[in-house]
């Protein structure tokens, strides 16, 4: 598994290092274990940086749902004190959020910073190039294969196990210091 807790933590760390104190998070489905781990990472990182997160800054969404993320982004942008940065549940969903931001006449990252999660090809071809947390899918596949081979070759001694695979922060062009 990707280390989802640490991945979101690293994204918040980067935004906090740039001076962001109003960070919103549109996350995936509430019932998902991935979402629960990412939410813990988000709240832990914000707490570590002394950032208070208003309830209205955290919105449940759906993974890979650009239209739903656009709607949630508009909701965040309509707040009396809108966030200076928005984290999206995945890179594909960020497309909808970026479009909603542009429709409001705002520029990324001058007016608002955005970041995704996954590090897939979409993040590299978006304009501006999306800052994201790149999951190491090759390492995850290798670890899964090793565990499967062990299960097949030694079924009586193999134990079920979860391995957390670290990814990496991928700085794009979609984050910057907040305008005050």
N, C-alpha and C. Protein backbone atom coordinates (compact mmCIF):
# COMPACT_ATOMS: atom_id res chain seq x y z
N UNK A 1 0.83 -1.19 0.00
CA UNK A 1 0.00 0.00 0.00
C UNK A 1 0.87 1.24 0.00
N UNK A 2 0.37 2.25 -0.64
CA UNK A 2 1.03 3.55 -0.57
C UNK A 2 0.88 4.08 0.84
N UNK A 3 1.90 4.74 1.34
CA UNK A 3 1.83 5.33 2.69
C UNK A 3 1.01 6.61 2.61
N UNK A 4 -0.30 6.45 2.63
CA UNK A 4 -1.23 7.56 2.44
C UNK A 4 -1.15 8.61 3.54
N UNK A 5 -0.93 8.18 4.76
CA UNK A 5 -0.83 9.12 5.88
C UNK A 5 0.35 10.05 5.67
N UNK A 6 1.50 9.48 5.36
CA UNK A 6 2.71 10.27 5.15
C UNK A 6 2.63 11.12 3.88
N UNK A 7 1.97 10.60 2.85
CA UNK A 7 1.87 11.33 1.60
C UNK A 7 1.15 12.67 1.76
N UNK A 8 -0.02 12.65 2.40
CA UNK A 8 -0.76 13.89 2.60
C UNK A 8 0.00 14.79 3.57
N UNK A 9 0.64 14.19 4.57
CA UNK A 9 1.44 14.96 5.52
C UNK A 9 2.52 15.76 4.78
N UNK A 10 3.17 15.11 3.83
CA UNK A 10 4.23 15.79 3.06
C UNK A 10 3.67 16.94 2.22
N UNK A 11 2.50 16.76 1.65
CA UNK A 11 1.88 17.84 0.88
C UNK A 11 1.59 19.05 1.78
N UNK A 12 1.02 18.79 2.95
CA UNK A 12 0.74 19.89 3.89
C UNK A 12 2.04 20.53 4.35
N UNK A 13 3.06 19.73 4.61
CA UNK A 13 4.37 20.27 5.02
C UNK A 13 4.87 21.29 3.99
N UNK A 14 4.76 20.96 2.71
CA UNK A 14 5.24 21.85 1.66
C UNK A 14 4.43 23.14 1.62
N UNK A 15 3.12 23.03 1.76
CA UNK A 15 2.28 24.22 1.75
C UNK A 15 2.55 25.09 2.97
N UNK A 16 2.71 24.48 4.12
CA UNK A 16 3.00 25.23 5.35
C UNK A 16 4.36 25.92 5.23
N UNK A 17 5.33 25.26 4.62
CA UNK A 17 6.66 25.86 4.44
C UNK A 17 6.59 27.11 3.57
N UNK A 18 5.61 27.17 2.69
CA UNK A 18 5.43 28.36 1.83
C UNK A 18 4.62 29.45 2.54
N UNK A 19 4.08 29.14 3.72
CA UNK A 19 3.33 30.14 4.47
C UNK A 19 1.82 29.97 4.45
N UNK A 20 1.33 28.88 3.89
CA UNK A 20 -0.13 28.65 3.86
C UNK A 20 -0.63 28.28 5.26
N UNK A 21 -1.68 28.96 5.69
CA UNK A 21 -2.33 28.68 6.97
C UNK A 21 -3.80 28.32 6.78
N UNK A 22 -4.31 28.53 5.57
CA UNK A 22 -5.71 28.20 5.28
C UNK A 22 -5.72 27.15 4.17
N UNK A 23 -5.60 25.90 4.59
CA UNK A 23 -5.49 24.78 3.66
C UNK A 23 -6.76 23.95 3.73
N UNK A 24 -7.39 23.77 2.57
CA UNK A 24 -8.61 22.96 2.48
C UNK A 24 -8.26 21.60 1.89
N UNK A 25 -9.14 20.64 2.16
CA UNK A 25 -8.91 19.29 1.66
C UNK A 25 -10.23 18.70 1.17
N UNK A 26 -10.30 18.45 -0.12
CA UNK A 26 -11.41 17.70 -0.69
C UNK A 26 -10.91 16.26 -0.76
N UNK A 27 -11.51 15.40 0.01
CA UNK A 27 -11.00 14.02 0.11
C UNK A 27 -11.95 13.04 -0.57
N UNK A 28 -11.54 11.79 -0.63
CA UNK A 28 -12.34 10.73 -1.23
C UNK A 28 -13.45 10.26 -0.29
N UNK A 29 -14.04 9.15 -0.65
CA UNK A 29 -15.18 8.61 0.08
C UNK A 29 -14.85 8.36 1.55
N UNK A 30 -15.78 8.74 2.45
CA UNK A 30 -15.57 8.59 3.89
C UNK A 30 -15.34 7.15 4.33
N UNK A 31 -15.96 6.19 3.68
CA UNK A 31 -15.86 4.79 4.10
C UNK A 31 -14.54 4.13 3.67
N UNK A 32 -13.75 4.80 2.88
CA UNK A 32 -12.52 4.23 2.35
C UNK A 32 -11.38 4.28 3.37
N UNK A 33 -10.66 3.17 3.51
CA UNK A 33 -9.49 3.13 4.39
C UNK A 33 -8.42 4.11 3.90
N UNK A 34 -8.29 4.25 2.60
CA UNK A 34 -7.33 5.20 2.04
C UNK A 34 -7.68 6.61 2.51
N UNK A 35 -8.95 6.96 2.41
CA UNK A 35 -9.40 8.28 2.85
C UNK A 35 -9.12 8.50 4.33
N UNK A 36 -9.43 7.52 5.14
CA UNK A 36 -9.23 7.67 6.58
C UNK A 36 -7.75 7.91 6.90
N UNK A 37 -6.86 7.22 6.23
CA UNK A 37 -5.43 7.41 6.45
C UNK A 37 -4.97 8.78 5.97
N UNK A 38 -5.49 9.21 4.83
CA UNK A 38 -5.11 10.53 4.32
C UNK A 38 -5.65 11.65 5.22
N UNK A 39 -6.86 11.48 5.74
CA UNK A 39 -7.41 12.48 6.66
C UNK A 39 -6.56 12.59 7.92
N UNK A 40 -6.13 11.46 8.45
CA UNK A 40 -5.25 11.48 9.63
C UNK A 40 -3.96 12.22 9.29
N UNK A 41 -3.38 11.94 8.13
CA UNK A 41 -2.17 12.64 7.72
C UNK A 41 -2.39 14.14 7.59
N UNK A 42 -3.54 14.52 7.04
CA UNK A 42 -3.88 15.93 6.88
C UNK A 42 -3.98 16.62 8.24
N UNK A 43 -4.79 16.06 9.12
CA UNK A 43 -4.99 16.69 10.43
C UNK A 43 -3.71 16.68 11.27
N UNK A 44 -2.94 15.62 11.20
CA UNK A 44 -1.68 15.57 11.95
C UNK A 44 -0.71 16.64 11.46
N UNK A 45 -0.60 16.77 10.15
CA UNK A 45 0.32 17.77 9.58
C UNK A 45 -0.13 19.18 9.94
N UNK A 46 -1.41 19.44 9.82
CA UNK A 46 -1.92 20.77 10.17
C UNK A 46 -1.64 21.07 11.65
N UNK A 47 -1.90 20.10 12.51
CA UNK A 47 -1.64 20.29 13.94
C UNK A 47 -0.15 20.54 14.19
N UNK A 48 0.70 19.81 13.50
CA UNK A 48 2.15 19.97 13.68
C UNK A 48 2.62 21.37 13.30
N UNK A 49 1.90 22.01 12.37
CA UNK A 49 2.27 23.35 11.93
C UNK A 49 1.43 24.44 12.60
N UNK A 50 0.61 24.04 13.57
CA UNK A 50 -0.22 25.01 14.28
C UNK A 50 -1.33 25.59 13.42
N UNK A 51 -1.76 24.84 12.43
CA UNK A 51 -2.81 25.30 11.51
C UNK A 51 -4.16 24.79 12.00
N UNK A 52 -5.08 25.71 12.21
CA UNK A 52 -6.45 25.35 12.58
C UNK A 52 -7.24 25.14 11.30
N UNK A 53 -7.98 24.04 11.26
CA UNK A 53 -8.74 23.69 10.06
C UNK A 53 -10.24 23.83 10.35
N UNK A 54 -10.88 24.85 9.79
CA UNK A 54 -12.34 24.96 9.96
C UNK A 54 -13.04 23.76 9.32
N UNK A 55 -14.12 23.31 9.90
CA UNK A 55 -14.85 22.15 9.36
C UNK A 55 -15.22 22.34 7.90
N UNK A 56 -15.57 23.57 7.51
CA UNK A 56 -16.00 23.79 6.13
C UNK A 56 -14.85 23.70 5.12
N UNK A 57 -13.61 23.58 5.60
CA UNK A 57 -12.46 23.41 4.72
C UNK A 57 -12.23 21.94 4.34
N UNK A 58 -12.95 21.03 4.95
CA UNK A 58 -12.77 19.61 4.68
C UNK A 58 -14.08 19.07 4.09
N UNK A 59 -14.02 18.67 2.82
CA UNK A 59 -15.23 18.27 2.09
C UNK A 59 -15.05 16.85 1.55
N UNK A 60 -16.07 16.03 1.79
CA UNK A 60 -16.06 14.67 1.24
C UNK A 60 -16.37 14.73 -0.25
N UNK A 61 -15.61 13.98 -1.00
CA UNK A 61 -15.83 13.89 -2.43
C UNK A 61 -15.77 12.44 -2.85
N UNK A 62 -15.43 12.25 -4.09
CA UNK A 62 -15.30 10.91 -4.65
C UNK A 62 -14.01 10.87 -5.45
N UNK A 63 -13.28 9.78 -5.34
CA UNK A 63 -12.05 9.65 -6.12
C UNK A 63 -12.37 9.64 -7.62
N UNK A 64 -11.50 10.27 -8.39
CA UNK A 64 -11.59 10.32 -9.85
C UNK A 64 -12.92 10.93 -10.32
N UNK A 65 -13.33 11.99 -9.65
CA UNK A 65 -14.59 12.66 -9.99
C UNK A 65 -14.33 14.15 -10.19
N UNK A 66 -13.99 14.51 -11.41
CA UNK A 66 -13.65 15.91 -11.72
C UNK A 66 -14.87 16.82 -11.54
N UNK A 67 -16.04 16.36 -11.90
CA UNK A 67 -17.24 17.19 -11.79
C UNK A 67 -17.59 17.45 -10.33
N UNK A 68 -17.54 16.41 -9.50
CA UNK A 68 -17.79 16.58 -8.07
C UNK A 68 -16.76 17.47 -7.40
N UNK A 69 -15.52 17.36 -7.84
CA UNK A 69 -14.46 18.21 -7.27
C UNK A 69 -14.63 19.65 -7.69
N UNK A 70 -15.13 19.88 -8.88
CA UNK A 70 -15.40 21.25 -9.32
C UNK A 70 -16.47 21.87 -8.43
N UNK A 71 -17.51 21.11 -8.12
CA UNK A 71 -18.59 21.60 -7.26
C UNK A 71 -18.05 21.89 -5.86
N UNK A 72 -17.26 20.98 -5.31
CA UNK A 72 -16.68 21.18 -3.97
C UNK A 72 -15.74 22.38 -3.96
N UNK A 73 -15.01 22.57 -5.04
CA UNK A 73 -14.09 23.72 -5.14
C UNK A 73 -14.88 25.03 -5.13
N UNK A 74 -15.97 25.07 -5.88
CA UNK A 74 -16.81 26.28 -5.88
C UNK A 74 -17.34 26.58 -4.48
N UNK A 75 -17.69 25.53 -3.76
CA UNK A 75 -18.16 25.68 -2.37
C UNK A 75 -17.07 26.32 -1.52
N UNK A 76 -15.83 25.88 -1.67
CA UNK A 76 -14.71 26.45 -0.91
C UNK A 76 -14.45 27.90 -1.32
N UNK A 77 -14.53 28.18 -2.60
CA UNK A 77 -14.25 29.52 -3.10
C UNK A 77 -15.32 30.53 -2.68
N UNK A 78 -16.51 30.04 -2.34
CA UNK A 78 -17.60 30.93 -1.94
C UNK A 78 -17.57 31.28 -0.44
N UNK A 79 -16.66 30.68 0.30
CA UNK A 79 -16.57 30.96 1.74
C UNK A 79 -16.12 32.40 1.97
N UNK A 80 -16.58 33.02 3.06
CA UNK A 80 -16.15 34.39 3.37
C UNK A 80 -14.62 34.51 3.47
N UNK A 81 -13.99 33.50 4.05
CA UNK A 81 -12.52 33.46 4.09
C UNK A 81 -12.09 32.19 3.37
N UNK A 82 -11.89 32.34 2.08
CA UNK A 82 -11.58 31.15 1.29
C UNK A 82 -10.16 30.66 1.62
N UNK A 83 -9.91 29.39 1.36
CA UNK A 83 -8.56 28.85 1.59
C UNK A 83 -7.56 29.44 0.61
N UNK A 84 -6.30 29.39 1.00
CA UNK A 84 -5.22 29.82 0.10
C UNK A 84 -4.65 28.64 -0.67
N UNK A 85 -5.02 27.42 -0.24
CA UNK A 85 -4.55 26.20 -0.91
C UNK A 85 -5.62 25.12 -0.78
N UNK A 86 -5.74 24.31 -1.81
CA UNK A 86 -6.68 23.19 -1.80
C UNK A 86 -5.94 21.93 -2.20
N UNK A 87 -6.11 20.88 -1.39
CA UNK A 87 -5.62 19.55 -1.72
C UNK A 87 -6.77 18.76 -2.33
N UNK A 88 -6.50 18.08 -3.42
CA UNK A 88 -7.52 17.28 -4.10
C UNK A 88 -7.26 15.80 -3.84
N UNK A 89 -8.31 14.95 -3.94
CA UNK A 89 -8.15 13.54 -3.59
C UNK A 89 -7.24 12.77 -4.55
N UNK A 90 -7.14 13.25 -5.78
CA UNK A 90 -6.27 12.61 -6.77
C UNK A 90 -6.05 13.58 -7.91
N UNK A 91 -5.11 13.27 -8.76
CA UNK A 91 -4.74 14.17 -9.85
C UNK A 91 -5.89 14.37 -10.85
N UNK A 92 -6.63 13.31 -11.15
CA UNK A 92 -7.72 13.43 -12.10
C UNK A 92 -8.80 14.37 -11.56
N UNK A 93 -9.15 14.23 -10.29
CA UNK A 93 -10.16 15.11 -9.68
C UNK A 93 -9.72 16.56 -9.69
N UNK A 94 -8.42 16.78 -9.59
CA UNK A 94 -7.89 18.14 -9.59
C UNK A 94 -8.25 18.89 -10.86
N UNK A 95 -8.46 18.17 -11.97
CA UNK A 95 -8.84 18.82 -13.23
C UNK A 95 -10.12 19.63 -13.03
N UNK A 96 -11.10 19.05 -12.38
CA UNK A 96 -12.35 19.76 -12.12
C UNK A 96 -12.15 20.96 -11.22
N UNK A 97 -11.34 20.78 -10.18
CA UNK A 97 -11.07 21.90 -9.27
C UNK A 97 -10.36 23.04 -9.96
N UNK A 98 -9.39 22.71 -10.78
CA UNK A 98 -8.63 23.74 -11.52
C UNK A 98 -9.57 24.50 -12.46
N UNK A 99 -10.45 23.77 -13.13
CA UNK A 99 -11.40 24.41 -14.03
C UNK A 99 -12.33 25.36 -13.27
N UNK A 100 -12.82 24.94 -12.09
CA UNK A 100 -13.70 25.80 -11.29
C UNK A 100 -12.97 27.06 -10.84
N UNK A 101 -11.71 26.91 -10.47
CA UNK A 101 -10.90 28.06 -10.05
C UNK A 101 -10.76 29.04 -11.21
N UNK A 102 -10.48 28.53 -12.39
CA UNK A 102 -10.34 29.39 -13.57
C UNK A 102 -11.65 30.09 -13.91
N UNK A 103 -12.76 29.37 -13.77
CA UNK A 103 -14.07 29.97 -14.06
C UNK A 103 -14.38 31.12 -13.10
N UNK A 104 -13.79 31.11 -11.92
CA UNK A 104 -13.97 32.20 -10.96
C UNK A 104 -13.01 33.37 -11.25
N UNK A 105 -12.20 33.23 -12.28
CA UNK A 105 -11.27 34.29 -12.66
C UNK A 105 -10.00 34.32 -11.82
N UNK A 106 -9.72 33.23 -11.12
CA UNK A 106 -8.54 33.17 -10.27
C UNK A 106 -7.40 32.47 -11.01
N UNK A 107 -6.18 32.85 -10.66
CA UNK A 107 -4.99 32.26 -11.27
C UNK A 107 -4.30 31.33 -10.29
N UNK A 108 -3.82 30.21 -10.82
CA UNK A 108 -3.06 29.24 -10.04
C UNK A 108 -1.60 29.41 -10.42
N UNK A 109 -0.69 29.58 -9.52
CA UNK A 109 -0.79 29.61 -8.07
C UNK A 109 -0.87 31.01 -7.48
N UNK A 110 -0.96 32.05 -8.32
CA UNK A 110 -0.94 33.41 -7.78
C UNK A 110 -2.06 33.64 -6.76
N UNK A 111 -3.29 33.25 -7.10
CA UNK A 111 -4.43 33.51 -6.23
C UNK A 111 -4.73 32.36 -5.29
N UNK A 112 -4.44 31.16 -5.70
CA UNK A 112 -4.71 29.98 -4.88
C UNK A 112 -3.79 28.85 -5.34
N UNK A 113 -3.26 28.12 -4.38
CA UNK A 113 -2.40 26.98 -4.69
C UNK A 113 -3.24 25.70 -4.68
N UNK A 114 -2.85 24.74 -5.52
CA UNK A 114 -3.54 23.46 -5.56
C UNK A 114 -2.53 22.32 -5.65
N UNK A 115 -2.93 21.17 -5.10
CA UNK A 115 -2.08 19.98 -5.18
C UNK A 115 -2.96 18.75 -5.31
N UNK A 116 -2.45 17.75 -5.98
CA UNK A 116 -3.16 16.50 -6.18
C UNK A 116 -2.50 15.38 -5.41
N UNK A 117 -2.82 14.16 -5.83
CA UNK A 117 -2.25 12.98 -5.20
C UNK A 117 -2.25 11.86 -6.24
N UNK A 118 -1.19 11.20 -6.43
CA UNK A 118 -0.98 10.03 -7.29
C UNK A 118 0.31 10.17 -8.08
N UNK A 119 0.47 11.33 -8.75
CA UNK A 119 1.66 11.50 -9.57
C UNK A 119 1.53 10.82 -10.92
N UNK A 120 0.31 10.72 -11.42
CA UNK A 120 0.16 10.07 -12.72
C UNK A 120 0.43 11.06 -13.86
N UNK A 121 0.31 10.59 -15.08
CA UNK A 121 0.64 11.39 -16.25
C UNK A 121 -0.16 12.69 -16.30
N UNK A 122 -1.40 12.65 -15.85
CA UNK A 122 -2.24 13.85 -15.89
C UNK A 122 -1.56 15.02 -15.18
N UNK A 123 -0.95 14.74 -14.03
CA UNK A 123 -0.31 15.81 -13.26
C UNK A 123 0.82 16.47 -14.03
N UNK A 124 1.44 15.73 -14.92
CA UNK A 124 2.58 16.24 -15.67
C UNK A 124 2.17 17.06 -16.89
N UNK A 125 0.98 16.81 -17.42
CA UNK A 125 0.56 17.50 -18.64
C UNK A 125 -0.43 18.63 -18.38
N UNK A 126 -0.90 18.75 -17.14
CA UNK A 126 -1.81 19.85 -16.82
C UNK A 126 -1.05 21.18 -16.88
N UNK A 127 -1.80 22.24 -17.05
CA UNK A 127 -1.19 23.56 -17.04
C UNK A 127 -1.94 24.43 -16.04
N UNK A 128 -1.25 24.92 -15.01
CA UNK A 128 0.15 24.67 -14.71
C UNK A 128 0.37 23.22 -14.27
N UNK A 129 1.61 22.78 -14.40
CA UNK A 129 1.94 21.41 -13.99
C UNK A 129 1.58 21.24 -12.52
N UNK A 130 0.85 20.18 -12.22
CA UNK A 130 0.30 19.96 -10.89
C UNK A 130 1.34 19.49 -9.89
N UNK A 131 1.38 20.14 -8.74
CA UNK A 131 2.15 19.64 -7.61
C UNK A 131 1.37 18.46 -7.06
N UNK A 132 2.06 17.37 -6.75
CA UNK A 132 1.36 16.16 -6.33
C UNK A 132 2.26 15.31 -5.46
N UNK A 133 1.69 14.27 -4.89
CA UNK A 133 2.47 13.26 -4.19
C UNK A 133 2.47 12.04 -5.10
N UNK A 134 3.64 11.66 -5.55
CA UNK A 134 3.78 10.57 -6.52
C UNK A 134 3.88 9.23 -5.78
N UNK A 135 2.87 8.39 -6.00
CA UNK A 135 2.92 7.05 -5.43
C UNK A 135 3.94 6.22 -6.22
N UNK A 136 4.68 5.38 -5.52
CA UNK A 136 5.67 4.53 -6.18
C UNK A 136 5.01 3.22 -6.56
N UNK A 137 4.28 3.24 -7.67
CA UNK A 137 3.52 2.07 -8.08
C UNK A 137 4.42 0.89 -8.46
N UNK A 138 5.60 1.18 -8.94
CA UNK A 138 6.53 0.10 -9.27
C UNK A 138 6.96 -0.64 -8.00
N UNK A 139 7.31 0.09 -6.96
CA UNK A 139 7.69 -0.54 -5.69
C UNK A 139 6.51 -1.27 -5.06
N UNK A 140 5.31 -0.70 -5.19
CA UNK A 140 4.13 -1.38 -4.64
C UNK A 140 3.88 -2.70 -5.37
N UNK A 141 4.01 -2.69 -6.68
CA UNK A 141 3.83 -3.92 -7.46
C UNK A 141 4.88 -4.97 -7.12
N UNK A 142 6.11 -4.54 -6.95
CA UNK A 142 7.19 -5.46 -6.61
C UNK A 142 6.94 -6.09 -5.23
N UNK A 143 6.55 -5.28 -4.26
CA UNK A 143 6.29 -5.79 -2.91
C UNK A 143 5.11 -6.76 -2.94
N UNK A 144 4.06 -6.44 -3.70
CA UNK A 144 2.90 -7.33 -3.79
C UNK A 144 3.30 -8.67 -4.42
N UNK A 145 4.12 -8.60 -5.46
CA UNK A 145 4.57 -9.84 -6.11
C UNK A 145 5.40 -10.69 -5.15
N UNK A 146 6.29 -10.06 -4.39
CA UNK A 146 7.10 -10.80 -3.42
C UNK A 146 6.22 -11.51 -2.38
N UNK A 147 5.22 -10.81 -1.88
CA UNK A 147 4.32 -11.41 -0.89
C UNK A 147 3.51 -12.55 -1.50
N UNK A 148 3.06 -12.37 -2.74
CA UNK A 148 2.30 -13.41 -3.41
C UNK A 148 3.15 -14.65 -3.67
N UNK A 149 4.37 -14.44 -4.10
CA UNK A 149 5.28 -15.57 -4.35
C UNK A 149 5.54 -16.32 -3.04
N UNK A 150 5.74 -15.60 -1.96
CA UNK A 150 5.94 -16.24 -0.66
C UNK A 150 4.72 -17.07 -0.26
N UNK A 151 3.54 -16.54 -0.51
CA UNK A 151 2.30 -17.24 -0.19
C UNK A 151 2.16 -18.51 -1.01
N UNK A 152 2.54 -18.44 -2.28
CA UNK A 152 2.44 -19.60 -3.16
C UNK A 152 3.49 -20.65 -2.81
N UNK A 153 4.74 -20.21 -2.60
CA UNK A 153 5.83 -21.15 -2.36
C UNK A 153 5.84 -21.71 -0.93
N UNK A 154 5.39 -20.93 0.03
CA UNK A 154 5.43 -21.36 1.44
C UNK A 154 4.10 -21.04 2.13
N UNK A 155 3.01 -21.65 1.71
CA UNK A 155 1.70 -21.27 2.24
C UNK A 155 1.56 -21.52 3.75
N UNK A 156 2.30 -22.46 4.29
CA UNK A 156 2.17 -22.77 5.72
C UNK A 156 2.96 -21.82 6.61
N UNK A 157 3.92 -21.14 6.05
CA UNK A 157 4.73 -20.24 6.88
C UNK A 157 4.56 -18.76 6.52
N UNK A 158 3.87 -18.49 5.46
CA UNK A 158 3.67 -17.10 5.05
C UNK A 158 2.58 -16.46 5.91
N UNK A 159 2.84 -15.25 6.34
CA UNK A 159 1.86 -14.50 7.10
C UNK A 159 1.32 -13.35 6.25
N UNK A 160 0.02 -13.11 6.34
CA UNK A 160 -0.51 -11.93 5.65
C UNK A 160 0.16 -10.68 6.22
N UNK A 161 0.49 -9.77 5.35
CA UNK A 161 1.24 -8.60 5.80
C UNK A 161 0.92 -7.41 4.90
N UNK A 162 0.90 -6.25 5.50
CA UNK A 162 0.76 -5.02 4.73
C UNK A 162 2.10 -4.30 4.76
N UNK A 163 2.56 -3.90 3.60
CA UNK A 163 3.78 -3.11 3.51
C UNK A 163 3.41 -1.71 3.03
N UNK A 164 3.89 -0.72 3.76
CA UNK A 164 3.67 0.66 3.34
C UNK A 164 4.84 1.11 2.49
N UNK A 165 4.52 1.60 1.32
CA UNK A 165 5.54 2.03 0.37
C UNK A 165 5.51 3.55 0.28
N UNK A 166 6.65 4.15 0.58
CA UNK A 166 6.75 5.61 0.52
C UNK A 166 6.75 6.07 -0.93
N UNK A 167 6.16 7.21 -1.15
CA UNK A 167 6.19 7.85 -2.46
C UNK A 167 7.12 9.05 -2.37
N UNK A 168 6.88 10.04 -3.20
CA UNK A 168 7.73 11.23 -3.17
C UNK A 168 6.93 12.47 -3.55
N UNK A 169 7.33 13.58 -2.98
CA UNK A 169 6.72 14.86 -3.29
C UNK A 169 7.20 15.29 -4.68
N UNK A 170 6.27 15.69 -5.54
CA UNK A 170 6.61 16.13 -6.89
C UNK A 170 6.16 17.58 -7.04
N UNK A 171 7.11 18.50 -6.97
CA UNK A 171 6.81 19.92 -7.06
C UNK A 171 6.52 20.30 -8.50
N UNK A 172 5.31 20.75 -8.72
CA UNK A 172 4.93 21.26 -10.03
C UNK A 172 4.95 22.78 -9.98
N UNK A 173 4.04 23.37 -10.74
CA UNK A 173 3.95 24.84 -10.81
C UNK A 173 2.67 25.36 -10.18
N UNK A 174 1.97 24.51 -9.42
CA UNK A 174 0.64 24.88 -8.93
C UNK A 174 0.60 25.33 -7.48
N UNK A 175 1.77 25.47 -6.85
CA UNK A 175 1.81 25.99 -5.49
C UNK A 175 2.83 27.13 -5.40
N UNK A 176 2.52 28.08 -4.53
CA UNK A 176 3.41 29.21 -4.31
C UNK A 176 3.02 29.82 -2.98
N UNK A 177 3.74 30.85 -2.57
CA UNK A 177 3.40 31.53 -1.33
C UNK A 177 2.04 32.20 -1.48
N UNK A 178 1.26 32.23 -0.41
CA UNK A 178 -0.07 32.85 -0.52
C UNK A 178 0.00 34.35 -0.60
N UNK A 179 -0.89 34.95 -1.38
CA UNK A 179 -1.02 36.40 -1.42
C UNK A 179 -1.83 36.81 -0.20
N UNK A 180 -1.41 37.77 0.50
CA UNK A 180 -2.12 38.21 1.72
C UNK A 180 -3.07 39.33 1.41
